[in-house]
Amino acid sequence: MSQTDPSTGYRVDTHVHLYPGTTAADMLDAAQANMRGKEGPVTGMLCLTETATLSRFADLPAQERDWNITSTDEAVTQLAHHKDGSRIAIVAGRQIVTKERLEVLALGMPAPPSDGLSLDETVADITEKQALAVLPWGVGKWMGDRGNHVASLIDRRTAPREIFLADSAVRPRLWPRPSLLDQAEKAGWLCLAGSDPLPLRGDVARTGRYGIEVSAPFDPQTPFATFKTWLMEQTTSPKFYGRRDSTPGMVVNQILLRTPSRIKT
């Protein structure tokens, strides 16, 4: 896993959570370690996906441990600087649950999400707000009727430039690639990837472990706008980097998610 040159490219984790009891420095330290492929400063981007009841983007500290966090020219991003020269953009975003019980991510949207709308209404609301809509894979979430809703959206939307499907580090490495990702790409859609840390103690270490490679210069003042422009110009899915869970690890995590004492609240 080689480190990208920030003058020509960088790495993006498109599915990040910052749960209670986890600090911004915990998240950034994990991303720095996971995005690093060799010695030297790391350049990257983390897309927060927050809920209606948990929003920490506006309250990120100006300084924590070896990180300083400053504003940019965008309302939806902040830039974290490490003492070793690493730079990681933090993007505001939301996680929305639709009427069909599907999860949709709104990257670059700081406003509180409107849960409970239909999938079509949710996607329309996100794109009208100039954000990126992402439908991420989740355990059991693309099966049955819910999977049919995703397949229908793919069939009805020809090669959208602001709507994406996404793989997740939670999907075990030995599991076959979801057919909906293949269906989307055959229809001209782009697929992304993200780490999706779980609300479990210590799972913040997953941050930055799985994502996409951006083959464009990193802009520290308008990181999201330049990322969005680059992404919407692509004709094929970006290259993924990193690794996903093992099957035993996924099983253990699903058990822990059903153990109240292990869940961050």
Protein backbone atom coordinates (compact mmCIF):
# COMPACT_ATOMS: atom_id res chain seq x y z
CA MET A 1 0.00 0.00 0.00
CA SER A 2 1.98 2.99 -1.24
CA GLN A 3 1.43 6.51 0.01
CA THR A 4 0.02 8.91 -2.59
CA ASP A 5 1.81 12.15 -3.46
CA PRO A 6 -0.44 15.05 -2.27
CA SER A 7 0.54 17.03 -5.37
CA THR A 8 -1.02 14.35 -7.57
CA GLY A 9 -3.36 12.40 -5.29
CA TYR A 10 -4.57 11.48 -1.81
CA ARG A 11 -6.87 9.08 0.02
CA VAL A 12 -10.49 9.51 1.08
CA ASP A 13 -12.53 7.50 3.59
CA THR A 14 -16.13 8.23 2.59
CA HIS A 15 -17.87 6.72 5.65
CA VAL A 16 -16.64 7.89 9.05
CA HIS A 17 -18.34 8.09 12.45
CA LEU A 18 -17.12 9.97 15.52
CA TYR A 19 -18.98 8.44 18.45
CA PRO A 20 -19.29 9.70 22.04
CA GLY A 21 -16.24 8.83 24.11
CA THR A 22 -14.01 9.04 21.05
CA THR A 23 -11.93 12.18 20.52
CA ALA A 24 -11.14 13.92 17.26
CA ALA A 25 -7.47 13.08 17.89
CA ASP A 26 -8.37 9.37 18.23
CA MET A 27 -10.05 9.54 14.82
CA LEU A 28 -7.22 11.49 13.20
CA ASP A 29 -4.47 9.31 14.69
CA ALA A 30 -6.19 6.21 13.32
CA ALA A 31 -6.66 7.76 9.88
CA GLN A 32 -3.05 8.90 9.78
CA ALA A 33 -1.81 5.39 10.62
CA ASN A 34 -4.18 3.63 8.21
CA MET A 35 -3.63 5.98 5.27
CA ARG A 36 0.14 5.91 5.63
CA GLY A 37 1.91 3.61 3.21
CA LYS A 38 5.46 4.72 3.96
CA GLU A 39 7.31 7.18 6.16
CA GLY A 40 6.40 10.82 5.74
CA PRO A 41 3.40 13.12 6.17
CA VAL A 42 -0.05 11.81 5.26
CA THR A 43 -2.59 13.69 3.16
CA GLY A 44 -6.19 12.55 3.24
CA MET A 45 -9.87 13.25 3.74
CA LEU A 46 -12.45 11.90 6.17
CA CYS A 47 -16.16 12.25 5.36
CA LEU A 48 -18.19 12.35 8.57
CA THR A 49 -21.63 10.72 8.42
CA GLU A 50 -23.53 11.94 11.48
CA THR A 51 -27.09 11.37 12.67
CA ALA A 52 -29.87 13.68 13.79
CA THR A 53 -28.95 13.01 17.43
CA LEU A 54 -25.16 13.13 17.10
CA SER A 55 -23.38 16.02 15.40
CA ARG A 56 -19.78 16.85 16.32
CA PHE A 57 -18.44 18.59 13.23
CA ALA A 58 -19.25 22.10 14.51
CA ASP A 59 -17.62 21.35 17.87
CA LEU A 60 -14.29 19.96 16.69
CA PRO A 61 -11.52 21.32 18.93
CA ALA A 62 -8.97 23.83 17.64
CA GLN A 63 -6.17 21.76 19.15
CA GLU A 64 -5.97 18.21 20.51
CA ARG A 65 -2.81 16.25 21.19
CA ASP A 66 -0.54 16.69 18.12
CA TRP A 67 -3.32 18.05 15.90
CA ASN A 68 -4.45 21.59 15.13
CA ILE A 69 -7.82 21.96 13.39
CA THR A 70 -8.51 25.10 11.38
CA SER A 71 -11.27 26.42 9.14
CA THR A 72 -11.05 26.45 5.33
CA ASP A 73 -12.77 28.54 2.69
CA GLU A 74 -15.67 26.06 2.85
CA ALA A 75 -18.36 25.87 5.52
CA VAL A 76 -18.46 22.08 5.15
CA THR A 77 -14.78 21.33 5.80
CA GLN A 78 -12.12 21.78 8.46
CA LEU A 79 -8.44 20.97 8.05
CA ALA A 80 -6.44 19.03 10.62
CA HIS A 81 -2.67 19.63 10.70
CA HIS A 82 -0.29 17.26 12.49
CA LYS A 83 3.09 18.35 13.82
CA ASP A 84 4.76 15.97 11.33
CA GLY A 85 3.20 17.84 8.38
CA SER A 86 0.24 15.53 7.79
CA ARG A 87 -2.98 17.17 6.60
CA ILE A 88 -6.41 15.56 6.81
CA ALA A 89 -9.56 17.33 5.67
CA ILE A 90 -12.69 16.62 7.74
CA VAL A 91 -15.92 16.92 5.76
CA ALA A 92 -19.34 17.50 7.31
CA GLY A 93 -21.92 14.90 6.37
CA ARG A 94 -25.01 13.04 7.46
CA GLN A 95 -26.34 9.50 7.74
CA ILE A 96 -30.03 9.27 6.86
CA VAL A 97 -32.49 6.41 7.27
CA THR A 98 -35.20 6.30 4.61
CA LYS A 99 -38.80 5.10 4.83
CA GLU A 100 -37.62 1.82 3.29
CA ARG A 101 -35.09 1.44 6.17
CA LEU A 102 -32.19 2.02 3.82
CA GLU A 103 -29.13 4.00 4.86
CA VAL A 104 -28.09 6.95 2.70
CA LEU A 105 -25.03 9.12 3.34
CA ALA A 106 -25.01 12.83 2.51
CA LEU A 107 -21.39 13.92 2.03
CA GLY A 108 -20.82 17.65 2.36
CA MET A 109 -24.20 18.36 4.00
CA PRO A 110 -24.01 19.89 7.50
CA ALA A 111 -27.78 20.37 7.94
CA PRO A 112 -29.67 17.93 10.16
CA PRO A 113 -30.95 14.96 8.14
CA SER A 114 -34.61 14.37 7.36
CA ASP A 115 -35.14 10.74 8.32
CA GLY A 116 -38.20 8.82 7.17
CA LEU A 117 -38.53 10.17 3.63
CA SER A 118 -38.64 7.76 0.70
CA LEU A 119 -35.39 6.78 -1.00
CA ASP A 120 -36.19 8.97 -4.00
CA GLU A 121 -37.12 11.95 -1.79
CA THR A 122 -33.97 11.51 0.29
CA VAL A 123 -31.67 11.41 -2.73
CA ALA A 124 -33.41 14.45 -4.22
CA ASP A 125 -33.06 16.39 -0.96
CA ILE A 126 -29.33 15.61 -0.73
CA THR A 127 -28.52 16.55 -4.30
CA GLU A 128 -30.62 19.74 -4.13
CA LYS A 129 -28.39 20.80 -1.22
CA GLN A 130 -25.31 20.31 -3.44
CA ALA A 131 -24.15 17.30 -1.41
CA LEU A 132 -23.21 13.81 -2.62
CA ALA A 133 -25.64 10.95 -1.98
CA VAL A 134 -24.09 7.57 -1.17
CA LEU A 135 -25.87 4.26 -0.57
CA PRO A 136 -23.42 2.13 1.48
CA TRP A 137 -23.41 -1.63 1.80
CA GLY A 138 -24.40 -2.92 5.24
CA VAL A 139 -24.95 -6.35 6.75
CA GLY A 140 -28.38 -7.46 5.52
CA LYS A 141 -29.33 -3.99 4.26
CA TRP A 142 -29.27 -4.81 0.56
CA MET A 143 -31.37 -7.97 0.79
CA GLY A 144 -35.04 -8.61 0.11
CA ASP A 145 -37.31 -5.62 -0.43
CA ARG A 146 -34.59 -3.17 0.55
CA GLY A 147 -32.28 -4.55 -2.09
CA ASN A 148 -35.08 -4.31 -4.63
CA HIS A 149 -35.46 -0.60 -3.86
CA VAL A 150 -31.74 -0.05 -4.51
CA ALA A 151 -31.88 -2.08 -7.73
CA SER A 152 -34.88 -0.05 -8.88
CA LEU A 153 -33.07 3.22 -8.23
CA ILE A 154 -30.10 2.00 -10.27
CA ASP A 155 -32.36 1.02 -13.15
CA ARG A 156 -34.20 4.35 -13.11
CA ARG A 157 -31.19 6.66 -12.81
CA THR A 158 -28.80 6.50 -15.74
CA ALA A 159 -25.19 7.18 -14.76
CA PRO A 160 -25.89 9.88 -12.15
CA ARG A 161 -22.91 12.06 -11.26
CA GLU A 162 -23.98 12.96 -7.73
CA ILE A 163 -25.31 9.58 -6.49
CA PHE A 164 -23.12 6.59 -5.64
CA LEU A 165 -23.10 3.13 -4.14
CA ALA A 166 -20.32 2.20 -1.71
CA ASP A 167 -18.52 -0.81 -0.33
CA SER A 168 -17.66 -1.03 3.37
CA ALA A 169 -14.74 -2.34 5.39
CA VAL A 170 -17.36 -4.18 7.46
CA ARG A 171 -17.95 -6.58 4.53
CA PRO A 172 -15.68 -9.60 5.08
CA ARG A 173 -12.79 -10.03 2.67
CA LEU A 174 -13.85 -13.54 1.60
CA TRP A 175 -17.45 -12.59 0.87
CA PRO A 176 -18.33 -12.16 -2.81
CA ARG A 177 -18.70 -8.65 -4.16
CA PRO A 178 -22.32 -7.48 -3.81
CA SER A 179 -24.18 -7.88 -7.09
CA LEU A 180 -25.69 -4.39 -6.71
CA LEU A 181 -22.21 -2.87 -7.01
CA ASP A 182 -21.72 -4.73 -10.29
CA GLN A 183 -25.20 -3.76 -11.47
CA ALA A 184 -24.52 -0.11 -10.70
CA GLU A 185 -21.17 -0.03 -12.49
CA LYS A 186 -22.62 -1.75 -15.56
CA ALA A 187 -25.24 1.03 -15.66
CA GLY A 188 -22.50 3.67 -15.53
CA TRP A 189 -22.65 4.45 -11.80
CA LEU A 190 -19.51 4.97 -9.72
CA CYS A 191 -18.84 3.02 -6.52
CA LEU A 192 -16.96 4.37 -3.50
CA ALA A 193 -15.61 2.81 -0.28
CA GLY A 194 -15.41 3.66 3.40
CA SER A 195 -14.36 2.23 6.74
CA ASP A 196 -17.70 2.67 8.64
CA PRO A 197 -16.41 2.46 12.25
CA LEU A 198 -18.92 0.75 14.51
CA PRO A 199 -20.21 2.14 17.84
CA LEU A 200 -17.94 -0.24 19.74
CA ARG A 201 -15.10 0.55 22.09
CA GLY A 202 -11.85 0.77 20.17
CA ASP A 203 -13.43 0.56 16.71
CA VAL A 204 -12.28 4.12 15.97
CA ALA A 205 -9.03 2.36 14.99
CA ARG A 206 -10.84 1.35 11.78
CA THR A 207 -10.98 4.99 10.57
CA GLY A 208 -9.17 5.53 7.27
CA ARG A 209 -8.54 1.83 6.75
CA TYR A 210 -10.64 1.50 3.60
CA GLY A 211 -11.47 4.10 0.98
CA ILE A 212 -10.69 5.49 -2.45
CA GLU A 213 -7.65 6.92 -4.18
CA VAL A 214 -8.08 10.43 -5.62
CA SER A 215 -5.81 11.14 -8.58
CA ALA A 216 -5.86 14.93 -8.26
CA PRO A 217 -3.96 17.52 -6.21
CA PHE A 218 -5.14 18.15 -2.66
CA ASP A 219 -6.55 21.66 -2.16
CA PRO A 220 -6.30 22.70 1.53
CA GLN A 221 -8.67 25.67 1.14
CA THR A 222 -11.49 24.04 -0.86
CA PRO A 223 -10.91 20.32 -0.28
CA PHE A 224 -14.52 19.14 -0.66
CA ALA A 225 -15.33 21.25 -3.73
CA THR A 226 -12.23 20.05 -5.57
CA PHE A 227 -12.85 16.44 -4.51
CA LYS A 228 -16.49 16.67 -5.65
CA THR A 229 -15.47 18.18 -9.01
CA TRP A 230 -12.89 15.46 -9.59
CA LEU A 231 -15.31 12.68 -8.59
CA MET A 232 -18.11 13.90 -10.85
CA GLU A 233 -15.71 13.97 -13.79
CA GLN A 234 -14.80 10.28 -13.46
CA THR A 235 -16.23 7.73 -15.87
CA THR A 236 -15.25 4.64 -13.85
CA SER A 237 -15.14 3.92 -10.15
CA PRO A 238 -12.07 5.20 -8.28
CA LYS A 239 -9.42 2.74 -7.18
CA PHE A 240 -10.01 1.35 -3.69
CA TYR A 241 -7.23 1.12 -1.10
CA GLY A 242 -6.92 -0.71 2.21
CA ARG A 243 -8.55 -3.83 3.57
CA ARG A 244 -11.88 -5.13 4.84
CA ASP A 245 -12.74 -7.25 7.89
CA SER A 246 -12.18 -10.97 8.29
CA THR A 247 -15.28 -13.15 8.54
CA PRO A 248 -14.61 -14.04 12.23
CA GLY A 249 -14.05 -10.34 12.97
CA MET A 250 -17.36 -9.41 11.38
CA VAL A 251 -19.20 -12.11 13.35
CA VAL A 252 -17.67 -10.98 16.63
CA ASN A 253 -18.56 -7.36 15.93
CA GLN A 254 -22.17 -8.25 15.13
CA ILE A 255 -22.40 -10.09 18.45
CA LEU A 256 -20.86 -7.13 20.29
CA LEU A 257 -23.34 -4.76 18.66
CA ARG A 258 -26.04 -6.74 20.45
CA THR A 259 -24.22 -6.43 23.79
CA PRO A 260 -25.30 -3.12 25.39
CA SER A 261 -22.22 -2.83 27.61
CA ARG A 262 -19.97 -2.75 24.54
CA ILE A 263 -21.83 -0.01 22.65
CA LYS A 264 -20.86 3.65 22.82
CA THR A 265 -23.85 5.87 23.64
